Every structure is written in structure tokens, then in C-alpha cells.
Amino acid sequence: MTSRFTELVVDCHDPHRLAAFWCEVLDFTMLDQSEDKVEIGSWEPTAEAIRASQMPPTMMFIQVPEGKMVKNRLHLDVSPIDATTDQEVARILSLGATRVDVGQGVARSWTVMADPEGNEFDVARSLAPTTRATPTA
């Protein structure tokens, strides 16, 4: 018997605002929504596809009455695919994120940020292709 990782659920006050933020960060689309719940993802999940292979999980934002109280025990790491880490940090800041200090120190290869509701996440190393200088003779 096996299970699949199908959804990452985030409790929040405003699921529509948070889902829109993460759609912009990850280039996801809204898959399903109601007044108190929004699901986003990079693909339209079907039971057949999930049974056949592990697929990327969707993100589900569910409205709850309580606010975030302490540092997250679980967080996302995102890696830019077509920009430097610094460029991606600047883009995500413009979407409404903030830089946060969770005791990570200053000399790190990642940047700790928080989404508009304070959930921490890291912008990690860039996966963008690098161009190499051609040697001259």
C-alpha cells in the first residue's frame, strides 16, 4: 500500500488573497475555489494521474479564525528558474512578501521571507541556466 502527497494545506485568514500571491510566485493557476477555500496548482489533478505516478502537489488555502502564532515548523523553499536569487527576491517583495529573521544569521545562500499572512518560506539558489564565457585564444 502507498499514499501520494497530493495537497499542501495552508490555514489563513484570506484564502483568495494568499492563493493569488502564491499563483504569482509559482506560476500556478486557480483550480477550485469557494468562499472559504481555494486550491491552486501547476496541473489539473485527476485520480488516474495521481495513482499512476507521484505528481506535484497542489496548494489548498483554507480560511480559519485564528492567526499565525509562532514560527512555522514546515516551510516551502522556492528556487528561481529564470533569474538570479536576488532578482527573484525583489520580484516576490513587489508581490507583497517581506524579509524575515527567524535566527538564520547573515551569511546564508538563501533568503528567508514571509508571505502576506506571515508564513515563512525561503528563496533558495537559482536554477537559471548560466552562460559561460568562451575562452579566447
N, C-alpha and C. Protein backbone atom coordinates (compact mmCIF):
# COMPACT_ATOMS: atom_id res chain seq x y z
N MET A 1 0.84 -1.18 0.00
CA MET A 1 0.00 0.00 0.00
C MET A 1 0.88 1.24 0.00
N THR A 2 0.43 2.27 -0.70
CA THR A 2 1.18 3.51 -0.83
C THR A 2 0.23 4.68 -0.80
N SER A 3 0.71 5.79 -0.29
CA SER A 3 -0.03 7.05 -0.35
C SER A 3 0.72 8.02 -1.24
N ARG A 4 0.05 9.02 -1.71
CA ARG A 4 0.65 10.08 -2.51
C ARG A 4 0.50 11.40 -1.77
N PHE A 5 1.52 12.27 -1.92
CA PHE A 5 1.46 13.64 -1.40
C PHE A 5 0.67 14.43 -2.43
N THR A 6 -0.58 14.78 -2.11
CA THR A 6 -1.46 15.38 -3.11
C THR A 6 -1.72 16.86 -2.88
N GLU A 7 -1.69 17.33 -1.62
CA GLU A 7 -2.00 18.73 -1.34
C GLU A 7 -1.19 19.21 -0.15
N LEU A 8 -0.81 20.47 -0.22
CA LEU A 8 -0.24 21.16 0.92
C LEU A 8 -1.29 22.16 1.36
N VAL A 9 -1.77 22.04 2.60
CA VAL A 9 -2.86 22.88 3.08
C VAL A 9 -2.28 23.99 3.95
N VAL A 10 -2.72 25.22 3.69
CA VAL A 10 -2.28 26.39 4.44
C VAL A 10 -3.49 27.03 5.08
N ASP A 11 -3.50 27.09 6.41
CA ASP A 11 -4.55 27.82 7.12
C ASP A 11 -4.29 29.31 6.98
N CYS A 12 -5.33 30.11 6.80
CA CYS A 12 -5.13 31.55 6.60
C CYS A 12 -6.43 32.30 6.86
N HIS A 13 -6.32 33.63 6.91
CA HIS A 13 -7.50 34.48 7.06
C HIS A 13 -8.17 34.76 5.72
N ASP A 14 -7.37 35.00 4.68
CA ASP A 14 -7.91 35.39 3.38
C ASP A 14 -7.38 34.44 2.30
N PRO A 15 -8.07 33.31 2.08
CA PRO A 15 -7.56 32.33 1.12
C PRO A 15 -7.43 32.86 -0.30
N HIS A 16 -8.30 33.77 -0.71
CA HIS A 16 -8.24 34.29 -2.08
C HIS A 16 -6.99 35.16 -2.27
N ARG A 17 -6.70 36.01 -1.31
CA ARG A 17 -5.50 36.86 -1.39
C ARG A 17 -4.23 36.02 -1.37
N LEU A 18 -4.17 35.05 -0.46
CA LEU A 18 -2.96 34.24 -0.35
C LEU A 18 -2.78 33.34 -1.57
N ALA A 19 -3.87 32.79 -2.09
CA ALA A 19 -3.79 31.97 -3.30
C ALA A 19 -3.31 32.81 -4.48
N ALA A 20 -3.80 34.03 -4.60
CA ALA A 20 -3.36 34.90 -5.70
C ALA A 20 -1.86 35.20 -5.58
N PHE A 21 -1.39 35.46 -4.36
CA PHE A 21 0.04 35.70 -4.14
C PHE A 21 0.86 34.49 -4.60
N TRP A 22 0.49 33.30 -4.13
CA TRP A 22 1.27 32.11 -4.48
C TRP A 22 1.12 31.74 -5.96
N CYS A 23 0.00 32.05 -6.59
CA CYS A 23 -0.12 31.84 -8.04
C CYS A 23 0.93 32.67 -8.78
N GLU A 24 1.12 33.91 -8.35
CA GLU A 24 2.13 34.78 -8.97
C GLU A 24 3.54 34.28 -8.70
N VAL A 25 3.82 33.86 -7.47
CA VAL A 25 5.17 33.37 -7.13
C VAL A 25 5.50 32.12 -7.94
N LEU A 26 4.58 31.16 -8.01
CA LEU A 26 4.86 29.85 -8.58
C LEU A 26 4.35 29.64 -10.01
N ASP A 27 3.68 30.64 -10.58
CA ASP A 27 3.07 30.49 -11.90
C ASP A 27 2.05 29.35 -11.91
N PHE A 28 1.25 29.27 -10.83
CA PHE A 28 0.17 28.30 -10.72
C PHE A 28 -1.12 28.97 -11.18
N THR A 29 -2.16 28.16 -11.33
CA THR A 29 -3.48 28.67 -11.65
C THR A 29 -4.47 28.21 -10.57
N MET A 30 -5.57 28.94 -10.49
CA MET A 30 -6.64 28.56 -9.57
C MET A 30 -7.35 27.34 -10.14
N LEU A 31 -7.48 26.31 -9.34
CA LEU A 31 -8.13 25.08 -9.78
C LEU A 31 -9.56 24.98 -9.26
N ASP A 32 -9.78 25.44 -8.04
CA ASP A 32 -11.10 25.35 -7.43
C ASP A 32 -11.17 26.40 -6.34
N GLN A 33 -12.35 26.96 -6.15
CA GLN A 33 -12.49 27.96 -5.09
C GLN A 33 -13.92 28.04 -4.61
N SER A 34 -14.03 28.40 -3.34
CA SER A 34 -15.31 28.71 -2.71
C SER A 34 -15.05 29.91 -1.81
N GLU A 35 -16.01 30.28 -1.02
CA GLU A 35 -15.85 31.46 -0.17
C GLU A 35 -14.70 31.31 0.82
N ASP A 36 -14.51 30.11 1.36
CA ASP A 36 -13.51 29.91 2.42
C ASP A 36 -12.38 28.96 2.05
N LYS A 37 -12.23 28.65 0.75
CA LYS A 37 -11.21 27.70 0.33
C LYS A 37 -10.81 27.95 -1.12
N VAL A 38 -9.49 27.87 -1.38
CA VAL A 38 -9.00 28.00 -2.76
C VAL A 38 -7.91 26.95 -2.97
N GLU A 39 -7.98 26.26 -4.10
CA GLU A 39 -6.93 25.30 -4.47
C GLU A 39 -6.23 25.81 -5.72
N ILE A 40 -4.89 25.78 -5.68
CA ILE A 40 -4.09 26.20 -6.83
C ILE A 40 -3.11 25.08 -7.19
N GLY A 41 -2.64 25.11 -8.42
CA GLY A 41 -1.67 24.10 -8.83
C GLY A 41 -1.10 24.38 -10.19
N SER A 42 -0.13 23.54 -10.54
CA SER A 42 0.54 23.66 -11.84
C SER A 42 -0.08 22.72 -12.88
N TRP A 43 -1.02 21.91 -12.45
CA TRP A 43 -1.67 20.96 -13.35
C TRP A 43 -3.04 20.62 -12.77
N GLU A 44 -3.91 20.08 -13.58
CA GLU A 44 -5.26 19.70 -13.14
C GLU A 44 -5.21 18.25 -12.68
N PRO A 45 -5.25 18.01 -11.36
CA PRO A 45 -5.11 16.64 -10.87
C PRO A 45 -6.31 15.77 -11.20
N THR A 46 -6.03 14.52 -11.55
CA THR A 46 -7.07 13.51 -11.72
C THR A 46 -6.65 12.30 -10.89
N ALA A 47 -7.61 11.53 -10.46
CA ALA A 47 -7.31 10.33 -9.67
C ALA A 47 -6.42 9.37 -10.46
N GLU A 48 -6.65 9.25 -11.76
CA GLU A 48 -5.87 8.33 -12.58
C GLU A 48 -4.39 8.75 -12.64
N ALA A 49 -4.15 10.04 -12.85
CA ALA A 49 -2.77 10.53 -12.93
C ALA A 49 -2.06 10.37 -11.59
N ILE A 50 -2.76 10.64 -10.50
CA ILE A 50 -2.15 10.52 -9.18
C ILE A 50 -1.84 9.06 -8.85
N ARG A 51 -2.73 8.15 -9.21
CA ARG A 51 -2.45 6.73 -8.98
C ARG A 51 -1.27 6.25 -9.81
N ALA A 52 -1.11 6.77 -11.02
CA ALA A 52 -0.07 6.32 -11.93
C ALA A 52 1.33 6.75 -11.49
N SER A 53 1.45 7.94 -10.89
CA SER A 53 2.78 8.45 -10.57
C SER A 53 2.67 9.59 -9.57
N GLN A 54 3.72 9.79 -8.80
CA GLN A 54 3.74 10.94 -7.90
C GLN A 54 3.80 12.21 -8.73
N MET A 55 2.83 13.07 -8.56
CA MET A 55 2.75 14.32 -9.29
C MET A 55 2.96 15.47 -8.32
N PRO A 56 3.27 16.67 -8.81
CA PRO A 56 3.43 17.80 -7.90
C PRO A 56 2.15 18.04 -7.11
N PRO A 57 2.25 18.28 -5.80
CA PRO A 57 1.05 18.55 -5.02
C PRO A 57 0.45 19.91 -5.38
N THR A 58 -0.84 20.03 -5.13
CA THR A 58 -1.49 21.33 -5.23
C THR A 58 -1.36 22.03 -3.88
N MET A 59 -1.72 23.30 -3.83
CA MET A 59 -1.77 24.03 -2.57
C MET A 59 -3.21 24.41 -2.30
N MET A 60 -3.65 24.18 -1.07
CA MET A 60 -5.01 24.49 -0.67
C MET A 60 -4.94 25.53 0.45
N PHE A 61 -5.67 26.61 0.29
CA PHE A 61 -5.73 27.68 1.29
C PHE A 61 -7.12 27.64 1.91
N ILE A 62 -7.16 27.44 3.23
CA ILE A 62 -8.42 27.29 3.93
C ILE A 62 -8.54 28.37 5.00
N GLN A 63 -9.67 29.04 5.01
CA GLN A 63 -9.91 30.11 5.97
C GLN A 63 -10.11 29.54 7.37
N VAL A 64 -9.37 30.11 8.33
CA VAL A 64 -9.52 29.75 9.74
C VAL A 64 -9.62 31.04 10.55
N PRO A 65 -10.23 30.99 11.74
CA PRO A 65 -10.39 32.22 12.52
C PRO A 65 -9.12 32.68 13.24
N GLU A 66 -8.27 31.75 13.64
CA GLU A 66 -7.09 32.14 14.40
C GLU A 66 -5.96 32.58 13.49
N GLY A 67 -5.09 33.42 14.04
CA GLY A 67 -3.94 33.91 13.29
C GLY A 67 -2.71 33.05 13.54
N LYS A 68 -1.68 33.29 12.77
CA LYS A 68 -0.41 32.60 12.94
C LYS A 68 0.22 33.07 14.25
N MET A 69 0.72 32.13 15.04
CA MET A 69 1.22 32.48 16.36
C MET A 69 2.75 32.39 16.49
N VAL A 70 3.38 31.42 15.87
CA VAL A 70 4.82 31.18 16.04
C VAL A 70 5.44 30.84 14.69
N LYS A 71 6.76 30.69 14.71
CA LYS A 71 7.50 30.29 13.51
C LYS A 71 6.94 28.97 12.98
N ASN A 72 6.83 28.88 11.66
CA ASN A 72 6.34 27.65 11.03
C ASN A 72 7.28 26.48 11.33
N ARG A 73 6.73 25.30 11.53
CA ARG A 73 7.52 24.09 11.67
C ARG A 73 7.79 23.49 10.29
N LEU A 74 7.04 23.89 9.31
CA LEU A 74 7.18 23.42 7.93
C LEU A 74 7.15 24.65 7.05
N HIS A 75 8.04 24.72 6.07
CA HIS A 75 8.02 25.86 5.15
C HIS A 75 8.39 25.41 3.75
N LEU A 76 8.07 26.23 2.78
CA LEU A 76 8.43 25.97 1.39
C LEU A 76 9.78 26.59 1.08
N ASP A 77 10.52 25.97 0.18
CA ASP A 77 11.69 26.57 -0.45
C ASP A 77 11.34 26.72 -1.92
N VAL A 78 11.58 27.89 -2.48
CA VAL A 78 11.37 28.11 -3.90
C VAL A 78 12.70 28.48 -4.53
N SER A 79 12.92 28.02 -5.75
CA SER A 79 14.16 28.31 -6.47
C SER A 79 13.82 28.95 -7.79
N PRO A 80 14.36 30.15 -8.06
CA PRO A 80 14.08 30.79 -9.34
C PRO A 80 14.64 29.96 -10.50
N ILE A 81 13.91 29.93 -11.60
CA ILE A 81 14.34 29.15 -12.76
C ILE A 81 14.84 30.00 -13.92
N ASP A 82 14.60 31.31 -13.87
CA ASP A 82 15.00 32.16 -14.99
C ASP A 82 15.51 33.52 -14.53
N ALA A 83 15.99 33.58 -13.28
CA ALA A 83 16.52 34.83 -12.73
C ALA A 83 17.50 34.47 -11.62
N THR A 84 18.24 35.45 -11.17
CA THR A 84 19.11 35.23 -10.02
C THR A 84 18.25 35.19 -8.76
N THR A 85 18.84 34.71 -7.69
CA THR A 85 18.12 34.69 -6.42
C THR A 85 17.76 36.11 -6.00
N ASP A 86 18.69 37.05 -6.14
CA ASP A 86 18.40 38.44 -5.77
C ASP A 86 17.27 39.04 -6.60
N GLN A 87 17.24 38.75 -7.89
CA GLN A 87 16.17 39.24 -8.74
C GLN A 87 14.82 38.65 -8.33
N GLU A 88 14.81 37.38 -7.97
CA GLU A 88 13.57 36.74 -7.56
C GLU A 88 13.09 37.29 -6.21
N VAL A 89 14.02 37.53 -5.29
CA VAL A 89 13.65 38.14 -4.02
C VAL A 89 12.99 39.49 -4.27
N ALA A 90 13.56 40.30 -5.14
CA ALA A 90 12.98 41.61 -5.45
C ALA A 90 11.59 41.46 -6.06
N ARG A 91 11.40 40.51 -6.96
CA ARG A 91 10.08 40.29 -7.58
C ARG A 91 9.06 39.88 -6.53
N ILE A 92 9.43 38.96 -5.65
CA ILE A 92 8.50 38.47 -4.64
C ILE A 92 8.19 39.55 -3.61
N LEU A 93 9.17 40.39 -3.29
CA LEU A 93 8.90 41.53 -2.41
C LEU A 93 7.85 42.44 -3.04
N SER A 94 7.94 42.64 -4.35
CA SER A 94 6.97 43.51 -5.04
C SER A 94 5.56 42.92 -5.05
N LEU A 95 5.45 41.61 -4.83
CA LEU A 95 4.14 40.95 -4.79
C LEU A 95 3.50 41.02 -3.41
N GLY A 96 4.27 41.49 -2.41
CA GLY A 96 3.70 41.62 -1.07
C GLY A 96 4.38 40.83 0.02
N ALA A 97 5.45 40.12 -0.31
CA ALA A 97 6.20 39.38 0.70
C ALA A 97 7.08 40.34 1.50
N THR A 98 7.62 39.85 2.59
CA THR A 98 8.57 40.61 3.39
C THR A 98 9.76 39.71 3.72
N ARG A 99 10.89 40.34 4.02
CA ARG A 99 12.04 39.59 4.54
C ARG A 99 11.80 39.38 6.03
N VAL A 100 12.20 38.23 6.55
CA VAL A 100 12.04 37.97 7.97
C VAL A 100 13.30 37.35 8.55
N ASP A 101 13.48 37.56 9.84
CA ASP A 101 14.60 36.99 10.57
C ASP A 101 14.05 35.92 11.51
N VAL A 102 14.41 34.67 11.25
CA VAL A 102 14.00 33.57 12.11
C VAL A 102 15.22 32.97 12.80
N GLY A 103 16.28 33.80 12.90
CA GLY A 103 17.51 33.35 13.53
C GLY A 103 18.46 32.66 12.58
N GLN A 104 18.31 32.93 11.27
CA GLN A 104 19.11 32.24 10.27
C GLN A 104 20.53 32.78 10.15
N GLY A 105 20.83 33.93 10.73
CA GLY A 105 22.16 34.51 10.57
C GLY A 105 22.25 35.29 9.27
N VAL A 106 23.41 35.87 9.03
CA VAL A 106 23.55 36.74 7.86
C VAL A 106 24.20 36.07 6.66
N ALA A 107 25.11 35.16 6.86
CA ALA A 107 25.85 34.55 5.75
C ALA A 107 25.17 33.27 5.29
N ARG A 108 24.10 33.40 4.53
CA ARG A 108 23.33 32.26 4.04
C ARG A 108 23.18 32.36 2.53
N SER A 109 22.99 31.20 1.91
CA SER A 109 22.80 31.18 0.46
C SER A 109 21.32 31.27 0.09
N TRP A 110 20.46 31.48 1.06
CA TRP A 110 19.04 31.63 0.81
C TRP A 110 18.52 32.87 1.55
N THR A 111 17.34 33.30 1.16
CA THR A 111 16.70 34.45 1.80
C THR A 111 15.40 33.99 2.43
N VAL A 112 15.23 34.27 3.71
CA VAL A 112 14.00 33.91 4.41
C VAL A 112 13.00 35.04 4.21
N MET A 113 11.81 34.68 3.79
CA MET A 113 10.76 35.65 3.53
C MET A 113 9.47 35.18 4.18
N ALA A 114 8.46 36.03 4.18
CA ALA A 114 7.12 35.67 4.65
C ALA A 114 6.11 36.13 3.62
N ASP A 115 5.09 35.30 3.42
CA ASP A 115 4.01 35.68 2.51
C ASP A 115 3.14 36.74 3.19
N PRO A 116 2.12 37.26 2.52
CA PRO A 116 1.32 38.34 3.11
C PRO A 116 0.65 38.02 4.45
N GLU A 117 0.54 36.75 4.82
CA GLU A 117 -0.04 36.42 6.13
C GLU A 117 1.02 35.96 7.13
N GLY A 118 2.30 36.11 6.77
CA GLY A 118 3.38 35.83 7.71
C GLY A 118 3.94 34.43 7.68
N ASN A 119 3.53 33.59 6.73
CA ASN A 119 4.07 32.24 6.62
C ASN A 119 5.46 32.29 6.00
N GLU A 120 6.45 31.75 6.72
CA GLU A 120 7.82 31.81 6.25
C GLU A 120 8.05 30.88 5.06
N PHE A 121 8.93 31.29 4.18
CA PHE A 121 9.41 30.45 3.08
C PHE A 121 10.80 30.96 2.71
N ASP A 122 11.56 30.13 2.00
CA ASP A 122 12.91 30.50 1.59
C ASP A 122 12.99 30.64 0.08
N VAL A 123 13.71 31.66 -0.36
CA VAL A 123 14.10 31.74 -1.77
C VAL A 123 15.52 31.18 -1.79
N ALA A 124 15.67 30.03 -2.42
CA ALA A 124 16.94 29.30 -2.44
C ALA A 124 17.75 29.66 -3.69
N ARG A 125 18.76 28.88 -3.93
CA ARG A 125 19.66 29.14 -5.06
C ARG A 125 18.91 29.12 -6.38
N SER A 126 19.40 29.90 -7.30
CA SER A 126 18.80 29.98 -8.62
C SER A 126 19.11 28.72 -9.42
N LEU A 127 18.14 28.27 -10.19
CA LEU A 127 18.31 27.16 -11.11
C LEU A 127 18.37 27.64 -12.55
N ALA A 128 18.49 28.96 -12.72
CA ALA A 128 18.56 29.53 -14.07
C ALA A 128 19.85 29.07 -14.75
N PRO A 129 19.77 28.81 -16.05
CA PRO A 129 20.99 28.42 -16.78
C PRO A 129 22.02 29.56 -16.70
N THR A 130 23.24 29.18 -16.59
CA THR A 130 24.30 30.19 -16.58
C THR A 130 25.01 30.15 -17.91
N THR A 131 25.47 31.29 -18.34
CA THR A 131 26.23 31.34 -19.59
C THR A 131 27.71 31.36 -19.23
N ARG A 132 28.45 30.62 -19.97
CA ARG A 132 29.89 30.55 -19.73
C ARG A 132 30.60 31.37 -20.80
N ALA A 133 31.60 32.06 -20.36
CA ALA A 133 32.41 32.84 -21.31
C ALA A 133 33.18 31.89 -22.20
N THR A 134 33.25 32.22 -23.48
CA THR A 134 34.01 31.42 -24.41
C THR A 134 35.49 31.77 -24.29
N PRO A 135 36.33 30.77 -24.11
CA PRO A 135 37.77 31.08 -23.98
C PRO A 135 38.31 31.72 -25.26
N THR A 136 39.18 32.67 -25.08
CA THR A 136 39.81 33.33 -26.23
C THR A 136 41.22 32.77 -26.38
N ALA A 137 41.65 32.71 -27.62
CA ALA A 137 42.98 32.17 -27.90
C ALA A 137 44.00 33.25 -28.07
